[in-house]
Every structure is written in structure tokens, then in C-alpha cells.
Amino acid sequence: MGIKIMTAPGPVCFPLLAVENKDIEVKFGKDGNSDIILDSSISLMKRRLPIHMVLLSGLSMVSPDFRGTTAVLRKGGASDVLSKIIVRSEALPVDFVYGENMEEIKALMNKGKATSAVVMSMSGMKGITLEERAMKSGFYVPGSCAASFEDRSVLNEFKQIYNEGLEEFRKNPEKAAETVSKKLPNKFPLEFIIGIMKSMKPIMEEPEDYSKLEVAVLNA
């Protein structure tokens, strides 16, 4: 009987999909029975699911910092929620505008409609990751991507498989990205998958106490 994993079809599952393993059964979405649920840490909190393992950190960053009008990639996403929590906790005079992709964000910046931006760390812009920025506000963030276990007995086996995927990306990122792309329901360019994995930091540990952030997320 394989491990049943329910996952969001984004960076959180890239290492998992890079491995050819018959002992795992991966389904994309948020509904259904599973042994493990993978999603952004913010989404898991919003869904009131406990975070048992932090997988990856550093997906998003603010460049250069929150000030004036801040452009955010995708309204309502995890980075948007966390950005608003940071800004409200510090009572910063910041307004938000939104773009659906990097081209729209860059256009807002170039036209002077935004003075800072929350984007993916792979963008090449200079700034600080949202996890690091949140820490300055007194919020510990359990990474960008995390796992919630319905069956704790499969934790070690899952960790081993996930680490194998991370190793595949270290050894041969192009091949790993191709393997991942073939399995995803929504197609990403190979350069995007490789860039994401190069910009993010593997954690693979239990989280620290994130209760303060969880309260803020549920009240956001």
C-alpha cells in the first residue's frame, strides 16, 4: 500500500515529482483522503491543518522593503496574506496593488505606480525573503512550503523520498525539471522549475512555535 499524498500543484511538490517511486500516490487538489497534505505553510494554516514538517523556504521576497505602494504577485495568495500581516503589525503606511505575472509587476514599477514589490525570489531583484522580513516583525514563519501528516507513521519514509527529489535537482536540474513537468497538471517552463528550486532552501525539519502567525492568518 503506497503513501497517498494530496498536494497543491506548485513548488511544494517539485522534489516529490522528481522521483520515480511506486510507493507514493500523488493527487493534486485540496479534497480527498490522504496520508500527507502538501501546501504553502500559510494555506495549511488557513485550512486549520497542523504543520508537522517545514519543507522549503524562501519562495517569495520583498524588494527592497515595504514602502509606499507595494506591488504583489497574485492577490489573495500566501505572499499577499503574509505581506499584509507584516504591514499591519508595524502600522506601515503601505498600499497594495496587484499583478498576475512578473511582466505586470515590472510595468507597475516602471510606470511609477509601485515603489516596491513582493515577487518570487528567483526574479533576480534585490530584497529580503518574506520569512526573514516577518521575523523582524516578531513572526516566525514555518517556511514557504510545508507538510501536514494524517498518518505520522509515514513521516520518515516521506522525508527520505523528498530528499531523493532534492538530490535529483542538485545532480541534474534539467532532467529533474523535465520529470516534474511531465507529471504536473498545469505546465510550467523548465527554466521556471529549475529557477524555483535553485532559489529555495530545503529545511526538512519540524517547525518552531508558529501559533502567533497562525492567529494572525486566521484573522487576516
Protein backbone atom coordinates (compact mmCIF):
# COMPACT_ATOMS: atom_id res chain seq x y z
CA MET A 1 0.00 0.00 0.00
CA GLY A 2 1.65 3.24 -1.12
CA ILE A 3 1.71 6.60 0.61
CA LYS A 4 -1.22 8.76 -0.50
CA ILE A 5 -0.22 12.39 -0.92
CA MET A 6 -2.55 15.29 -1.68
CA THR A 7 -0.69 18.36 -2.91
CA ALA A 8 -1.07 21.79 -4.41
CA PRO A 9 0.39 21.70 -7.97
CA GLY A 10 3.21 24.14 -7.22
CA PRO A 11 6.80 24.26 -5.91
CA VAL A 12 5.91 22.28 -2.78
CA CYS A 13 5.62 19.09 -4.85
CA PHE A 14 8.52 19.60 -7.27
CA PRO A 15 11.03 17.44 -5.30
CA LEU A 16 8.40 14.74 -4.84
CA LEU A 17 7.63 14.56 -8.56
CA ALA A 18 11.32 14.41 -9.47
CA VAL A 19 11.46 10.86 -8.08
CA GLU A 20 10.15 7.77 -9.82
CA ASN A 21 8.73 5.85 -6.87
CA LYS A 22 5.89 3.32 -6.99
CA ASP A 23 5.41 3.62 -3.21
CA ILE A 24 3.76 7.04 -3.48
CA GLU A 25 0.42 8.01 -4.96
CA VAL A 26 0.19 11.72 -5.74
CA LYS A 27 -3.08 13.56 -6.29
CA PHE A 28 -3.44 17.27 -6.96
CA GLY A 29 -6.01 19.37 -5.12
CA LYS A 30 -7.27 20.01 -1.62
CA ASP A 31 -10.05 17.46 -1.16
CA GLY A 32 -9.89 13.70 -0.62
CA ASN A 33 -8.32 11.10 1.63
CA SER A 34 -4.55 11.16 2.01
CA ASP A 35 -1.73 10.28 4.37
CA ILE A 36 0.06 13.59 3.75
CA ILE A 37 -1.11 17.03 2.65
CA LEU A 38 1.37 19.41 0.97
CA ASP A 39 0.70 23.12 0.53
CA SER A 40 2.10 26.52 1.36
CA SER A 41 2.51 27.00 5.09
CA ILE A 42 0.04 29.90 5.00
CA SER A 43 -2.56 27.81 3.17
CA LEU A 44 -2.23 24.97 5.67
CA MET A 45 -2.88 27.43 8.49
CA LYS A 46 -5.89 28.88 6.68
CA ARG A 47 -7.20 25.33 6.31
CA ARG A 48 -6.61 24.79 10.06
CA LEU A 49 -4.26 21.88 9.36
CA PRO A 50 -1.27 21.30 11.66
CA ILE A 51 2.17 21.75 10.15
CA HIS A 52 4.38 18.79 11.01
CA MET A 53 7.33 19.42 8.69
CA VAL A 54 8.74 22.53 7.01
CA LEU A 55 9.87 21.56 3.53
CA LEU A 56 11.16 24.63 1.65
CA SER A 57 11.74 28.29 2.46
CA GLY A 58 12.49 31.46 0.53
CA LEU A 59 9.92 31.25 -2.25
CA SER A 60 8.97 34.94 -2.09
CA MET A 61 10.73 38.18 -1.23
CA VAL A 62 10.01 41.88 -0.85
CA SER A 63 12.16 44.26 -2.89
CA PRO A 64 13.58 46.41 -1.44
CA ASP A 65 11.15 46.59 1.51
CA PHE A 66 7.54 47.53 2.23
CA ARG A 67 7.09 51.22 1.47
CA GLY A 68 4.67 53.48 -0.35
CA THR A 69 2.74 51.42 -2.86
CA THR A 70 3.80 47.76 -2.95
CA ALA A 71 3.03 45.59 -5.95
CA VAL A 72 2.20 41.99 -5.05
CA LEU A 73 2.17 38.96 -7.32
CA ARG A 74 -1.35 37.44 -7.21
CA LYS A 75 -3.97 38.86 -4.86
CA GLY A 76 -5.06 36.54 -2.05
CA GLY A 77 -2.06 34.24 -2.30
CA ALA A 78 0.20 33.19 0.58
CA SER A 79 2.66 36.05 -0.01
CA ASP A 80 -0.19 38.57 -0.10
CA VAL A 81 -1.56 37.31 3.23
CA LEU A 82 1.86 37.38 4.89
CA SER A 83 2.69 40.81 3.47
CA LYS A 84 -0.48 42.29 4.90
CA ILE A 85 0.21 40.73 8.31
CA ILE A 86 3.69 42.30 8.36
CA VAL A 87 2.45 45.73 7.25
CA ARG A 88 -0.44 45.78 9.73
CA SER A 89 1.70 44.62 12.64
CA GLU A 90 4.10 47.53 12.04
CA ALA A 91 1.37 50.01 11.10
CA LEU A 92 3.28 50.89 7.94
CA PRO A 93 1.77 53.46 5.53
CA VAL A 94 1.67 50.96 2.66
CA ASP A 95 -0.91 50.45 -0.09
CA PHE A 96 -1.07 47.33 -2.24
CA VAL A 97 -1.57 46.89 -5.96
CA TYR A 98 -1.57 43.55 -7.76
CA GLY A 99 -0.25 41.85 -10.86
CA GLU A 100 -0.87 38.38 -12.24
CA ASN A 101 2.68 37.90 -13.52
CA MET A 102 6.14 39.44 -13.42
CA GLU A 103 5.51 41.47 -16.57
CA GLU A 104 2.61 43.24 -14.86
CA ILE A 105 4.65 43.81 -11.70
CA LYS A 106 7.55 45.28 -13.68
CA ALA A 107 5.13 47.51 -15.60
CA LEU A 108 3.72 48.87 -12.34
CA MET A 109 7.25 49.61 -11.12
CA ASN A 110 8.38 51.18 -14.42
CA LYS A 111 5.31 53.42 -14.62
CA GLY A 112 5.85 54.64 -11.06
CA LYS A 113 2.63 53.05 -9.83
CA ALA A 114 4.60 50.98 -7.27
CA THR A 115 7.73 51.74 -5.26
CA SER A 116 8.37 48.19 -4.01
CA ALA A 117 7.28 44.67 -4.91
CA VAL A 118 6.60 41.23 -3.45
CA VAL A 119 7.81 38.71 -6.01
CA MET A 120 9.33 35.27 -6.29
CA SER A 121 12.92 35.14 -5.08
CA MET A 122 14.03 33.77 -8.45
CA SER A 123 13.12 37.13 -10.03
CA GLY A 124 16.68 38.40 -9.64
CA MET A 125 15.53 41.52 -7.77
CA LYS A 126 17.33 42.52 -4.57
CA GLY A 127 15.48 42.28 -1.29
CA ILE A 128 14.70 40.07 1.68
CA THR A 129 12.70 36.85 1.88
CA LEU A 130 9.27 37.14 3.45
CA GLU A 131 10.28 34.67 6.18
CA GLU A 132 13.22 36.87 7.15
CA ARG A 133 11.14 40.03 6.90
CA ALA A 134 8.37 38.55 9.04
CA MET A 135 10.91 37.63 11.72
CA LYS A 136 11.73 41.33 12.04
CA SER A 137 8.06 41.87 12.89
CA GLY A 138 8.16 39.14 15.51
CA PHE A 139 6.52 36.41 13.42
CA TYR A 140 8.16 33.03 12.93
CA VAL A 141 7.09 31.60 9.57
CA PRO A 142 7.37 27.81 9.13
CA GLY A 143 8.85 28.10 5.65
CA SER A 144 7.14 28.75 2.34
CA CYS A 145 6.06 25.13 1.79
CA ALA A 146 5.13 22.55 4.40
CA ALA A 147 3.54 19.18 5.09
CA SER A 148 0.70 18.06 7.32
CA PHE A 149 0.59 14.36 8.18
CA GLU A 150 -2.67 12.50 8.67
CA ASP A 151 -0.56 9.37 9.28
CA ARG A 152 2.60 10.18 11.25
CA SER A 153 3.97 6.66 10.67
CA VAL A 154 4.95 7.56 7.10
CA LEU A 155 6.91 10.68 8.08
CA ASN A 156 10.39 9.16 7.81
CA GLU A 157 9.64 7.38 4.54
CA PHE A 158 8.24 10.57 3.03
CA LYS A 159 11.28 12.55 4.20
CA GLN A 160 13.58 10.06 2.51
CA ILE A 161 11.68 10.26 -0.80
CA TYR A 162 11.53 14.07 -0.69
CA ASN A 163 15.26 14.25 -0.01
CA GLU A 164 15.86 11.98 -3.01
CA GLY A 165 13.99 14.50 -5.14
CA LEU A 166 16.07 17.36 -3.77
CA GLU A 167 19.21 15.39 -4.62
CA GLU A 168 17.94 14.85 -8.18
CA PHE A 169 17.64 18.62 -8.57
CA ARG A 170 21.16 19.09 -7.21
CA LYS A 171 22.70 16.46 -9.51
CA ASN A 172 20.79 17.09 -12.74
CA PRO A 173 18.34 20.02 -12.54
CA GLU A 174 17.37 19.83 -16.23
CA LYS A 175 16.42 16.15 -16.05
CA ALA A 176 14.61 16.64 -12.73
CA ALA A 177 12.64 19.57 -14.14
CA GLU A 178 11.61 17.52 -17.18
CA THR A 179 10.39 14.69 -14.94
CA VAL A 180 8.40 17.14 -12.83
CA SER A 181 6.90 18.93 -15.83
CA LYS A 182 5.51 15.71 -17.29
CA LYS A 183 3.59 14.96 -14.08
CA LEU A 184 2.12 18.40 -13.36
CA PRO A 185 -1.49 19.18 -14.34
CA ASN A 186 -0.51 22.79 -15.05
CA LYS A 187 2.58 23.18 -17.19
CA PHE A 188 5.49 25.38 -16.13
CA PRO A 189 8.52 26.24 -18.27
CA LEU A 190 11.53 24.11 -17.35
CA GLU A 191 13.53 27.28 -16.62
CA PHE A 192 10.88 28.28 -14.07
CA ILE A 193 11.02 24.93 -12.26
CA ILE A 194 14.83 24.98 -12.17
CA GLY A 195 14.91 28.62 -11.05
CA ILE A 196 12.43 27.98 -8.25
CA MET A 197 14.40 25.06 -6.88
CA LYS A 198 17.69 26.97 -7.06
CA SER A 199 16.25 29.94 -5.17
CA MET A 200 14.57 27.96 -2.38
CA LYS A 201 16.25 26.47 0.69
CA PRO A 202 15.41 22.91 1.84
CA ILE A 203 14.54 22.72 5.56
CA MET A 204 13.05 19.25 6.19
CA GLU A 205 12.52 19.82 9.91
CA GLU A 206 9.69 20.14 12.40
CA PRO A 207 8.54 23.76 12.80
CA GLU A 208 9.12 26.00 15.77
CA ASP A 209 6.14 27.51 17.57
CA TYR A 210 4.14 29.31 14.87
CA SER A 211 1.00 29.98 16.93
CA LYS A 212 1.37 33.79 16.78
CA LEU A 213 1.41 33.72 13.00
CA GLU A 214 -1.44 31.20 12.85
CA VAL A 215 -3.68 33.54 14.86
CA ALA A 216 -2.82 36.40 12.52
CA VAL A 217 -3.50 34.26 9.43
CA LEU A 218 -6.90 33.10 10.70
CA ASN A 219 -7.84 36.70 11.49
CA ALA A 220 -6.49 38.12 8.22
